[in-house]
C-alpha atoms as a PDB file:
ATOM      1  CA  MET A   1      23.960  32.262 -16.875  1.00  0.00           C
ATOM      2  CA  ARG A   2      23.645  31.819 -13.117  1.00  0.00           C
ATOM      3  CA  LEU A   3      22.551  28.320 -12.131  1.00  0.00           C
ATOM      4  CA  GLY A   4      20.327  27.346  -9.233  1.00  0.00           C
ATOM      5  CA  LEU A   5      17.724  24.947  -7.894  1.00  0.00           C
ATOM      6  CA  HIS A   6      14.161  24.968  -6.703  1.00  0.00           C
ATOM      7  CA  LEU A   7      14.530  23.912  -3.055  1.00  0.00           C
ATOM      8  CA  SER A   8      11.887  22.788  -0.591  1.00  0.00           C
ATOM      9  CA  VAL A   9      10.729  24.977   2.298  1.00  0.00           C
ATOM     10  CA  ARG A  10       9.281  21.965   4.130  1.00  0.00           C
ATOM     11  CA  GLN A  11      11.829  22.571   6.895  1.00  0.00           C
ATOM     12  CA  GLY A  12      11.542  26.340   6.549  1.00  0.00           C
ATOM     13  CA  PRO A  13      13.347  29.090   4.585  1.00  0.00           C
ATOM     14  CA  ARG A  14      16.460  28.804   6.756  1.00  0.00           C
ATOM     15  CA  ALA A  15      16.937  25.166   5.748  1.00  0.00           C
ATOM     16  CA  ALA A  16      16.493  26.047   2.067  1.00  0.00           C
ATOM     17  CA  LEU A  17      19.051  28.826   2.386  1.00  0.00           C
ATOM     18  CA  SER A  18      21.538  26.535   4.134  1.00  0.00           C
ATOM     19  CA  ARG A  19      21.107  23.864   1.461  1.00  0.00           C
ATOM     20  CA  GLY A  20      21.593  26.422  -1.288  1.00  0.00           C
ATOM     21  CA  LEU A  21      24.785  27.750   0.261  1.00  0.00           C
ATOM     22  CA  ASP A  22      26.133  24.212   0.733  1.00  0.00           C
ATOM     23  CA  LEU A  23      25.557  23.484  -2.962  1.00  0.00           C
ATOM     24  CA  GLY A  24      27.194  26.725  -4.049  1.00  0.00           C
ATOM     25  CA  LEU A  25      24.095  27.887  -5.890  1.00  0.00           C
ATOM     26  CA  GLU A  26      24.150  31.113  -7.855  1.00  0.00           C
ATOM     27  CA  ALA A  27      20.361  31.403  -7.722  1.00  0.00           C
ATOM     28  CA  LEU A  28      17.552  29.934  -5.634  1.00  0.00           C
ATOM     29  CA  GLN A  29      13.839  29.354  -6.103  1.00  0.00           C
ATOM     30  CA  ILE A  30      11.409  28.481  -3.318  1.00  0.00           C
ATOM     31  CA  LEU A  31       7.682  28.415  -2.595  1.00  0.00           C
ATOM     32  CA  PRO A  32       6.323  31.318  -0.513  1.00  0.00           C
ATOM     33  CA  TYR A  33       5.274  29.194   2.450  1.00  0.00           C
ATOM     34  CA  ARG A  34       5.062  25.645   3.676  1.00  0.00           C
ATOM     35  CA  ARG A  35       1.805  23.912   4.421  1.00  0.00           C
ATOM     36  CA  ARG A  36       0.739  21.877   7.422  1.00  0.00           C
ATOM     37  CA  PRO A  37      -1.999  19.253   7.843  1.00  0.00           C
ATOM     38  CA  GLY A  38      -5.302  20.911   8.712  1.00  0.00           C
ATOM     39  CA  GLU A  39      -8.930  20.114   9.195  1.00  0.00           C
ATOM     40  CA  ASP A  40     -10.593  22.115   6.418  1.00  0.00           C
ATOM     41  CA  GLU A  41      -8.978  21.375   3.065  1.00  0.00           C
ATOM     42  CA  GLY A  42      -6.512  18.745   4.248  1.00  0.00           C
ATOM     43  CA  PHE A  43      -3.846  21.382   4.886  1.00  0.00           C
ATOM     44  CA  ARG A  44      -3.372  24.894   6.191  1.00  0.00           C
ATOM     45  CA  TRP A  45      -0.963  27.510   5.016  1.00  0.00           C
ATOM     46  CA  GLU A  46       1.689  28.759   7.390  1.00  0.00           C
ATOM     47  CA  LYS A  47       3.070  32.278   7.253  1.00  0.00           C
ATOM     48  CA  PRO A  48       6.883  32.286   7.016  1.00  0.00           C
ATOM     49  CA  ASP A  49       8.592  32.678  10.378  1.00  0.00           C
ATOM     50  CA  PRO A  50       9.557  36.390  10.599  1.00  0.00           C
ATOM     51  CA  ALA A  51      13.067  35.671  11.890  1.00  0.00           C
ATOM     52  CA  GLU A  52      13.738  33.171   9.111  1.00  0.00           C
ATOM     53  CA  ALA A  53      12.290  35.557   6.536  1.00  0.00           C
ATOM     54  CA  ARG A  54      14.606  38.329   7.741  1.00  0.00           C
ATOM     55  CA  GLU A  55      17.575  35.968   7.583  1.00  0.00           C
ATOM     56  CA  LEU A  56      16.819  34.933   4.014  1.00  0.00           C
ATOM     57  CA  SER A  57      16.098  38.508   2.948  1.00  0.00           C
ATOM     58  CA  ALA A  58      19.422  39.646   4.418  1.00  0.00           C
ATOM     59  CA  ALA A  59      21.253  36.851   2.599  1.00  0.00           C
ATOM     60  CA  VAL A  60      19.703  38.014  -0.672  1.00  0.00           C
ATOM     61  CA  ALA A  61      20.604  41.637   0.047  1.00  0.00           C
ATOM     62  CA  ARG A  62      24.272  40.809   0.646  1.00  0.00           C
ATOM     63  CA  GLY A  63      24.431  38.639  -2.470  1.00  0.00           C
ATOM     64  CA  ALA A  64      24.883  35.303  -0.729  1.00  0.00           C
ATOM     65  CA  VAL A  65      22.389  33.516  -2.994  1.00  0.00           C
ATOM     66  CA  GLY A  66      22.772  35.707  -6.064  1.00  0.00           C
ATOM     67  CA  ARG A  67      19.100  35.685  -7.072  1.00  0.00           C
ATOM     68  CA  LEU A  68      15.979  34.609  -5.196  1.00  0.00           C
ATOM     69  CA  ALA A  69      12.807  33.795  -7.106  1.00  0.00           C
ATOM     70  CA  VAL A  70       9.602  32.795  -5.320  1.00  0.00           C
ATOM     71  CA  HIS A  71       7.244  30.512  -7.223  1.00  0.00           C
ATOM     72  CA  SER A  72       3.497  30.586  -6.615  1.00  0.00           C
ATOM     73  CA  ARG A  73       2.385  27.507  -4.728  1.00  0.00           C
ATOM     74  CA  TYR A  74      -0.921  27.156  -6.587  1.00  0.00           C
ATOM     75  CA  VAL A  75      -2.232  28.164  -9.996  1.00  0.00           C
ATOM     76  CA  PRO A  76      -4.944  30.740  -9.251  1.00  0.00           C
ATOM     77  CA  PHE A  77      -8.096  31.082 -11.357  1.00  0.00           C
ATOM     78  CA  LEU A  78      -7.343  34.662 -12.293  1.00  0.00           C
ATOM     79  CA  ALA A  79      -8.815  34.273 -15.795  1.00  0.00           C
ATOM     80  CA  SER A  80     -12.078  32.749 -14.567  1.00  0.00           C
ATOM     81  CA  THR A  81     -15.382  34.394 -15.472  1.00  0.00           C
ATOM     82  CA  ASP A  82     -16.751  33.337 -12.063  1.00  0.00           C
ATOM     83  CA  PRO A  83     -16.622  36.363  -9.701  1.00  0.00           C
ATOM     84  CA  GLU A  84     -16.041  34.280  -6.566  1.00  0.00           C
ATOM     85  CA  SER A  85     -13.167  32.335  -8.137  1.00  0.00           C
ATOM     86  CA  ARG A  86     -11.580  35.594  -9.237  1.00  0.00           C
ATOM     87  CA  ARG A  87     -11.957  37.122  -5.780  1.00  0.00           C
ATOM     88  CA  ARG A  88     -10.329  34.149  -4.067  1.00  0.00           C
ATOM     89  CA  SER A  89      -7.568  34.082  -6.660  1.00  0.00           C
ATOM     90  CA  ARG A  90      -6.787  37.776  -6.180  1.00  0.00           C
ATOM     91  CA  GLU A  91      -6.602  37.274  -2.423  1.00  0.00           C
ATOM     92  CA  LEU A  92      -4.336  34.250  -2.837  1.00  0.00           C
ATOM     93  CA  LEU A  93      -2.022  36.124  -5.189  1.00  0.00           C
ATOM     94  CA  ALA A  94      -1.823  39.155  -2.903  1.00  0.00           C
ATOM     95  CA  ARG A  95      -1.028  36.950   0.105  1.00  0.00           C
ATOM     96  CA  GLU A  96       1.731  35.101  -1.745  1.00  0.00           C
ATOM     97  CA  LEU A  97       3.188  38.345  -3.090  1.00  0.00           C
ATOM     98  CA  GLY A  98       3.427  39.677   0.456  1.00  0.00           C
ATOM     99  CA  PHE A  99       5.147  36.532   1.667  1.00  0.00           C
ATOM    100  CA  ALA A 100       7.564  36.617  -1.291  1.00  0.00           C
ATOM    101  CA  ARG A 101       8.436  40.254  -0.552  1.00  0.00           C
ATOM    102  CA  ASP A 102       9.095  39.508   3.116  1.00  0.00           C
ATOM    103  CA  LEU A 103      11.394  36.613   2.151  1.00  0.00           C
ATOM    104  CA  GLY A 104      13.497  38.923   0.003  1.00  0.00           C
ATOM    105  CA  GLY A 105      12.256  37.607  -3.333  1.00  0.00           C
ATOM    106  CA  ARG A 106      12.873  39.943  -6.241  1.00  0.00           C
ATOM    107  CA  GLU A 107      10.841  37.886  -8.719  1.00  0.00           C
ATOM    108  CA  PHE A 108       7.512  36.084  -8.367  1.00  0.00           C
ATOM    109  CA  VAL A 109       6.921  33.257 -10.842  1.00  0.00           C
ATOM    110  CA  LEU A 110       3.316  32.643 -11.824  1.00  0.00           C
ATOM    111  CA  HIS A 111       1.555  30.125 -14.059  1.00  0.00           C
ATOM    112  CA  LEU A 112      -1.369  31.674 -15.885  1.00  0.00           C
ATOM    113  CA  GLY A 113      -4.071  29.084 -15.375  1.00  0.00           C
ATOM    114  CA  ALA A 114      -6.909  28.646 -17.845  1.00  0.00           C
ATOM    115  CA  TYR A 115      -9.765  30.699 -19.191  1.00  0.00           C
ATOM    116  CA  SER A 116     -13.304  29.540 -18.459  1.00  0.00           C
ATOM    117  CA  PRO A 117     -15.477  27.261 -20.612  1.00  0.00           C
ATOM    118  CA  GLY A 118     -17.458  29.449 -22.973  1.00  0.00           C
ATOM    119  CA  SER A 119     -14.835  32.189 -22.769  1.00  0.00           C
ATOM    120  CA  ASP A 120     -11.894  32.720 -25.145  1.00  0.00           C
ATOM    121  CA  PRO A 121      -8.172  33.613 -24.932  1.00  0.00           C
ATOM    122  CA  ALA A 122      -8.761  37.343 -25.434  1.00  0.00           C
ATOM    123  CA  GLU A 123     -11.293  37.566 -22.610  1.00  0.00           C
ATOM    124  CA  GLY A 124      -9.136  35.360 -20.404  1.00  0.00           C
ATOM    125  CA  THR A 125      -6.135  37.595 -21.017  1.00  0.00           C
ATOM    126  CA  ARG A 126      -8.094  40.713 -20.094  1.00  0.00           C
ATOM    127  CA  ILE A 127      -9.601  39.216 -16.933  1.00  0.00           C
ATOM    128  CA  PHE A 128      -6.243  37.799 -15.863  1.00  0.00           C
ATOM    129  CA  ALA A 129      -4.546  41.196 -16.229  1.00  0.00           C
ATOM    130  CA  GLU A 130      -7.297  42.934 -14.269  1.00  0.00           C
ATOM    131  CA  GLY A 131      -6.961  40.459 -11.397  1.00  0.00           C
ATOM    132  CA  VAL A 132      -3.182  40.724 -11.270  1.00  0.00           C
ATOM    133  CA  ALA A 133      -3.354  44.530 -11.273  1.00  0.00           C
ATOM    134  CA  GLU A 134      -5.829  44.497  -8.364  1.00  0.00           C
ATOM    135  CA  ALA A 135      -3.637  42.111  -6.366  1.00  0.00           C
ATOM    136  CA  TYR A 136      -0.483  44.166  -6.950  1.00  0.00           C
ATOM    137  CA  ALA A 137      -2.277  47.374  -5.968  1.00  0.00           C
ATOM    138  CA  GLY A 138      -2.671  46.001  -2.432  1.00  0.00           C
ATOM    139  CA  VAL A 139       0.941  44.874  -1.903  1.00  0.00           C
ATOM    140  CA  PRO A 140       3.519  47.678  -1.617  1.00  0.00           C
ATOM    141  CA  ASP A 141       7.021  46.818  -2.828  1.00  0.00           C
ATOM    142  CA  ALA A 142       5.871  43.488  -4.245  1.00  0.00           C
ATOM    143  CA  PRO A 143       8.419  41.485  -6.264  1.00  0.00           C
ATOM    144  CA  ARG A 144       8.277  41.753 -10.020  1.00  0.00           C
ATOM    145  CA  LEU A 145       5.876  39.413 -11.770  1.00  0.00           C
ATOM    146  CA  VAL A 146       7.501  36.741 -13.953  1.00  0.00           C
ATOM    147  CA  MET A 147       5.066  34.773 -16.122  1.00  0.00           C
ATOM    148  CA  GLU A 148       5.995  31.210 -16.983  1.00  0.00           C
ATOM    149  CA  ASN A 149       5.209  29.320 -20.173  1.00  0.00           C
ATOM    150  CA  VAL A 150       3.265  26.068 -19.741  1.00  0.00           C
ATOM    151  CA  PRO A 151       2.906  22.841 -21.773  1.00  0.00           C
ATOM    152  CA  GLY A 152      -0.246  24.234 -23.390  1.00  0.00           C
ATOM    153  CA  GLY A 153      -3.306  22.355 -24.514  1.00  0.00           C
ATOM    154  CA  GLY A 154      -7.012  23.019 -24.112  1.00  0.00           C
ATOM    155  CA  ARG A 155      -7.886  26.272 -22.347  1.00  0.00           C
ATOM    156  CA  ARG A 156      -4.529  26.618 -20.572  1.00  0.00           C
ATOM    157  CA  MET A 157      -2.947  30.020 -21.095  1.00  0.00           C
ATOM    158  CA  GLY A 158       0.749  30.544 -21.761  1.00  0.00           C
ATOM    159  CA  GLY A 159       1.618  27.589 -23.960  1.00  0.00           C
ATOM    160  CA  ARG A 160       2.671  29.824 -26.830  1.00  0.00           C
ATOM    161  CA  LEU A 161       5.130  32.669 -26.621  1.00  0.00           C
ATOM    162  CA  GLU A 162       2.519  34.898 -28.222  1.00  0.00           C
ATOM    163  CA  ASP A 163       0.228  34.259 -25.213  1.00  0.00           C
ATOM    164  CA  LEU A 164       2.857  35.654 -22.870  1.00  0.00           C
ATOM    165  CA  ALA A 165       3.451  38.658 -25.115  1.00  0.00           C
ATOM    166  CA  ALA A 166      -0.277  39.488 -25.164  1.00  0.00           C
ATOM    167  CA  LEU A 167      -0.466  39.242 -21.382  1.00  0.00           C
ATOM    168  CA  ARG A 168       2.574  41.475 -20.915  1.00  0.00           C
ATOM    169  CA  THR A 169       0.881  44.096 -23.078  1.00  0.00           C
ATOM    170  CA  GLU A 170      -2.353  43.918 -21.070  1.00  0.00           C
ATOM    171  CA  LEU A 171      -0.460  44.129 -17.777  1.00  0.00           C
ATOM    172  CA  ALA A 172       1.669  47.062 -18.900  1.00  0.00           C
ATOM    173  CA  ALA A 173      -1.505  48.944 -19.853  1.00  0.00           C
ATOM    174  CA  ARG A 174      -2.614  48.514 -16.213  1.00  0.00           C
ATOM    175  CA  GLY A 175       0.698  49.646 -14.755  1.00  0.00           C
ATOM    176  CA  VAL A 176       2.094  46.196 -13.894  1.00  0.00           C
ATOM    177  CA  PRO A 177       5.528  45.541 -15.427  1.00  0.00           C
ATOM    178  CA  SER A 178       6.358  41.899 -15.981  1.00  0.00           C
ATOM    179  CA  ASN A 179       9.113  39.594 -17.143  1.00  0.00           C
ATOM    180  CA  VAL A 180       9.127  36.066 -18.543  1.00  0.00           C
ATOM    181  CA  CYS A 181      10.315  32.649 -17.351  1.00  0.00           C
ATOM    182  CA  LEU A 182      10.822  29.995 -20.032  1.00  0.00           C
ATOM    183  CA  ASP A 183      10.700  26.332 -19.027  1.00  0.00           C
ATOM    184  CA  THR A 184      12.498  23.990 -21.417  1.00  0.00           C
ATOM    185  CA  ALA A 185      10.304  20.977 -20.608  1.00  0.00           C
ATOM    186  CA  HIS A 186       7.136  23.021 -21.038  1.00  0.00           C
ATOM    187  CA  ALA A 187       8.377  24.480 -24.322  1.00  0.00           C
ATOM    188  CA  TRP A 188       9.066  20.982 -25.659  1.00  0.00           C
ATOM    189  CA  ALA A 189       5.624  19.752 -24.610  1.00  0.00           C
ATOM    190  CA  ALA A 190       4.054  22.804 -26.272  1.00  0.00           C
ATOM    191  CA  GLY A 191       5.689  21.907 -29.578  1.00  0.00           C
ATOM    192  CA  TYR A 192       8.931  23.888 -29.633  1.00  0.00           C
ATOM    193  CA  ASP A 193      12.096  21.997 -30.612  1.00  0.00           C
ATOM    194  CA  VAL A 194      14.453  22.925 -27.804  1.00  0.00           C
ATOM    195  CA  ALA A 195      16.460  19.689 -27.972  1.00  0.00           C
ATOM    196  CA  SER A 196      18.619  20.680 -30.943  1.00  0.00           C
ATOM    197  CA  ALA A 197      20.917  23.679 -31.104  1.00  0.00           C
ATOM    198  CA  ALA A 198      19.125  25.019 -34.181  1.00  0.00           C
ATOM    199  CA  GLY A 199      15.723  24.514 -32.584  1.00  0.00           C
ATOM    200  CA  MET A 200      16.779  26.221 -29.367  1.00  0.00           C
ATOM    201  CA  ASP A 201      18.135  29.140 -31.379  1.00  0.00           C
ATOM    202  CA  ALA A 202      14.819  29.479 -33.199  1.00  0.00           C
ATOM    203  CA  PHE A 203      12.916  29.376 -29.891  1.00  0.00           C
ATOM    204  CA  LEU A 204      15.160  31.988 -28.282  1.00  0.00           C
ATOM    205  CA  ASP A 205      15.090  34.183 -31.379  1.00  0.00           C
ATOM    206  CA  ALA A 206      11.283  34.139 -31.244  1.00  0.00           C
ATOM    207  CA  ALA A 207      11.333  35.050 -27.560  1.00  0.00           C
ATOM    208  CA  ALA A 208      13.768  37.894 -28.159  1.00  0.00           C
ATOM    209  CA  ALA A 209      11.606  39.220 -30.989  1.00  0.00           C
ATOM    210  CA  LEU A 210       8.416  39.129 -28.916  1.00  0.00           C
ATOM    211  CA  PHE A 211       9.690  40.318 -25.519  1.00  0.00           C
ATOM    212  CA  GLY A 212      13.244  41.531 -25.983  1.00  0.00           C
ATOM    213  CA  ALA A 213      15.894  39.262 -24.495  1.00  0.00           C
ATOM    214  CA  PRO A 214      16.322  41.375 -21.299  1.00  0.00           C
ATOM    215  CA  ALA A 215      12.697  40.626 -20.327  1.00  0.00           C
ATOM    216  CA  VAL A 216      13.466  36.894 -20.106  1.00  0.00           C
ATOM    217  CA  THR A 217      15.030  36.870 -16.655  1.00  0.00           C
ATOM    218  CA  LEU A 218      14.502  33.230 -15.676  1.00  0.00           C
ATOM    219  CA  PHE A 219      14.727  29.827 -17.309  1.00  0.00           C
ATOM    220  CA  HIS A 220      13.547  26.587 -15.791  1.00  0.00           C
ATOM    221  CA  LEU A 221      16.128  24.088 -16.992  1.00  0.00           C
ATOM    222  CA  ASN A 222      14.258  20.796 -17.038  1.00  0.00           C
ATOM    223  CA  ASP A 223      14.670  17.632 -19.049  1.00  0.00           C
ATOM    224  CA  THR A 224      11.468  15.736 -19.856  1.00  0.00           C
ATOM    225  CA  GLN A 225      10.118  12.357 -20.841  1.00  0.00           C
ATOM    226  CA  ALA A 226       7.080  13.907 -22.557  1.00  0.00           C
ATOM    227  CA  GLU A 227       6.537  13.467 -26.285  1.00  0.00           C
ATOM    228  CA  PRO A 228       7.145  16.643 -28.304  1.00  0.00           C
ATOM    229  CA  GLY A 229       3.946  18.643 -28.637  1.00  0.00           C
ATOM    230  CA  SER A 230       2.103  16.335 -26.207  1.00  0.00           C
ATOM    231  CA  ASN A 231       1.073  19.143 -23.794  1.00  0.00           C
ATOM    232  CA  ARG A 232       2.196  16.863 -20.954  1.00  0.00           C
ATOM    233  CA  GLU A 233       3.989  17.878 -17.767  1.00  0.00           C
ATOM    234  CA  HIS A 234       6.803  15.407 -17.097  1.00  0.00           C
ATOM    235  CA  HIS A 235      10.049  16.755 -15.656  1.00  0.00           C
ATOM    236  CA  GLU A 236      12.999  14.373 -15.695  1.00  0.00           C
ATOM    237  CA  HIS A 237      16.593  14.293 -14.460  1.00  0.00           C
ATOM    238  CA  TRP A 238      19.108  15.606 -16.967  1.00  0.00           C
ATOM    239  CA  GLY A 239      20.489  12.869 -19.140  1.00  0.00           C
ATOM    240  CA  GLN A 240      17.419  10.669 -18.625  1.00  0.00           C
ATOM    241  CA  GLY A 241      14.947  12.546 -20.792  1.00  0.00           C
ATOM    242  CA  ARG A 242      14.488  13.597 -24.404  1.00  0.00           C
ATOM    243  CA  LEU A 243      16.266  16.948 -24.435  1.00  0.00           C
ATOM    244  CA  GLY A 244      19.923  16.175 -23.829  1.00  0.00           C
ATOM    245  CA  ALA A 245      22.872  18.520 -24.090  1.00  0.00           C
ATOM    246  CA  ALA A 246      22.784  20.159 -27.551  1.00  0.00           C
ATOM    247  CA  GLY A 247      19.900  22.576 -27.042  1.00  0.00           C
ATOM    248  CA  LEU A 248      20.843  23.147 -23.406  1.00  0.00           C
ATOM    249  CA  LYS A 249      24.395  24.077 -24.405  1.00  0.00           C
ATOM    250  CA  ARG A 250      23.081  26.637 -26.882  1.00  0.00           C
ATOM    251  CA  LEU A 251      20.806  28.174 -24.267  1.00  0.00           C
ATOM    252  CA  LEU A 252      23.529  28.384 -21.623  1.00  0.00           C
ATOM    253  CA  THR A 253      25.980  30.065 -23.996  1.00  0.00           C
ATOM    254  CA  ARG A 254      23.742  32.581 -25.785  1.00  0.00           C
ATOM    255  CA  PRO A 255      25.261  35.983 -24.889  1.00  0.00           C
ATOM    256  CA  ASP A 256      21.917  37.794 -25.118  1.00  0.00           C
ATOM    257  CA  PHE A 257      20.501  35.644 -22.314  1.00  0.00           C
ATOM    258  CA  SER A 258      23.576  35.600 -20.073  1.00  0.00           C
ATOM    259  CA  HIS A 259      21.812  37.933 -17.614  1.00  0.00           C
ATOM    260  CA  ALA A 260      19.181  35.291 -16.809  1.00  0.00           C
ATOM    261  CA  ALA A 261      19.170  32.704 -14.035  1.00  0.00           C
ATOM    262  CA  GLY A 262      18.615  29.035 -14.820  1.00  0.00           C
ATOM    263  CA  ILE A 263      16.668  27.099 -12.175  1.00  0.00           C
ATOM    264  CA  LEU A 264      16.550  23.297 -12.149  1.00  0.00           C
ATOM    265  CA  GLU A 265      13.233  21.795 -11.054  1.00  0.00           C
ATOM    266  CA  MET A 266      14.077  18.113 -11.013  1.00  0.00           C
ATOM    267  CA  PRO A 267      12.415  15.281  -9.111  1.00  0.00           C
ATOM    268  CA  PRO A 268      13.993  15.061  -5.625  1.00  0.00           C
ATOM    269  CA  GLY A 269      17.075  13.079  -4.785  1.00  0.00           C
ATOM    270  CA  ARG A 270      19.667  13.996  -7.416  1.00  0.00           C
ATOM    271  CA  ASP A 271      20.405  17.694  -6.903  1.00  0.00           C
ATOM    272  CA  GLU A 272      24.181  17.318  -7.059  1.00  0.00           C
ATOM    273  CA  GLU A 273      24.124  15.132 -10.187  1.00  0.00           C
ATOM    274  CA  ASN A 274      21.772  17.444 -12.059  1.00  0.00           C
ATOM    275  CA  LEU A 275      23.797  20.513 -11.132  1.00  0.00           C
ATOM    276  CA  ALA A 276      27.015  18.774 -12.191  1.00  0.00           C
ATOM    277  CA  TYR A 277      25.470  17.854 -15.552  1.00  0.00           C
ATOM    278  CA  VAL A 278      24.310  21.393 -16.334  1.00  0.00           C
ATOM    279  CA  ARG A 279      27.497  22.989 -15.058  1.00  0.00           C
ATOM    280  CA  ALA A 280      29.543  20.654 -17.244  1.00  0.00           C
ATOM    281  CA  VAL A 281      27.439  21.550 -20.289  1.00  0.00           C
ATOM    282  CA  ARG A 282      27.798  25.250 -19.538  1.00  0.00           C
ATOM    283  CA  ASN A 283      31.541  25.105 -18.974  1.00  0.00           C
ATOM    284  CA  ASP A 284      32.502  22.629 -21.728  1.00  0.00           C
END
């Protein structure tokens, strides 16, 4: 499995690329744009600099960063029953897809948001798929959609593997192919035992049965301080959380998922240590 980091674009895509090359990353994940202070909502979005976008795209094309995934900056309300929320969410998704394409991203990672009060998972799934299909229709050569599991709880969509499978079916029916990103911290918070080797095997077996292993193209390799099944988001540095090495080792050495990239999304400040930890587990 190729290993990489989610790196900040606060200083621009060129700085993220330079940092990734310095760290010897085999994969890279970034946000589609940086934001600046503004008058309206406290910030304004800033379109990626065309020269920097071309530079990053060229680096991806020549294989310098192995894989580039672009992660949505915000969770859109694509499953909302409110027409105005859906319209804004479609526009946001289309804009971010265009930015991701221009940066050379081959995969676009998206959280699924939540369905509306008074709605239900089936209606939310249908509305979500319709919104995604409309957004993709307006963005030629957009990167492939990769849907990420979440910690679950309440009306949030994507906490269970079955949620992702249902959404993939709805999207395929509308002509939008999709893949899956599995986050270890989110899986743990949603109630899956990914800390033990046996538990990780069971989780991966379930994913392979529902999607087929080739459809799982990304993993977010995150430790967590959250209680199992707590539905809480709490990423932690490797070795300081509840997951540890046993389940991670099994994930990194499963032959049927060797095609995937593993992205670390740790709190800032310990990139080298976290990479060293995961590389040591993989290579031991």
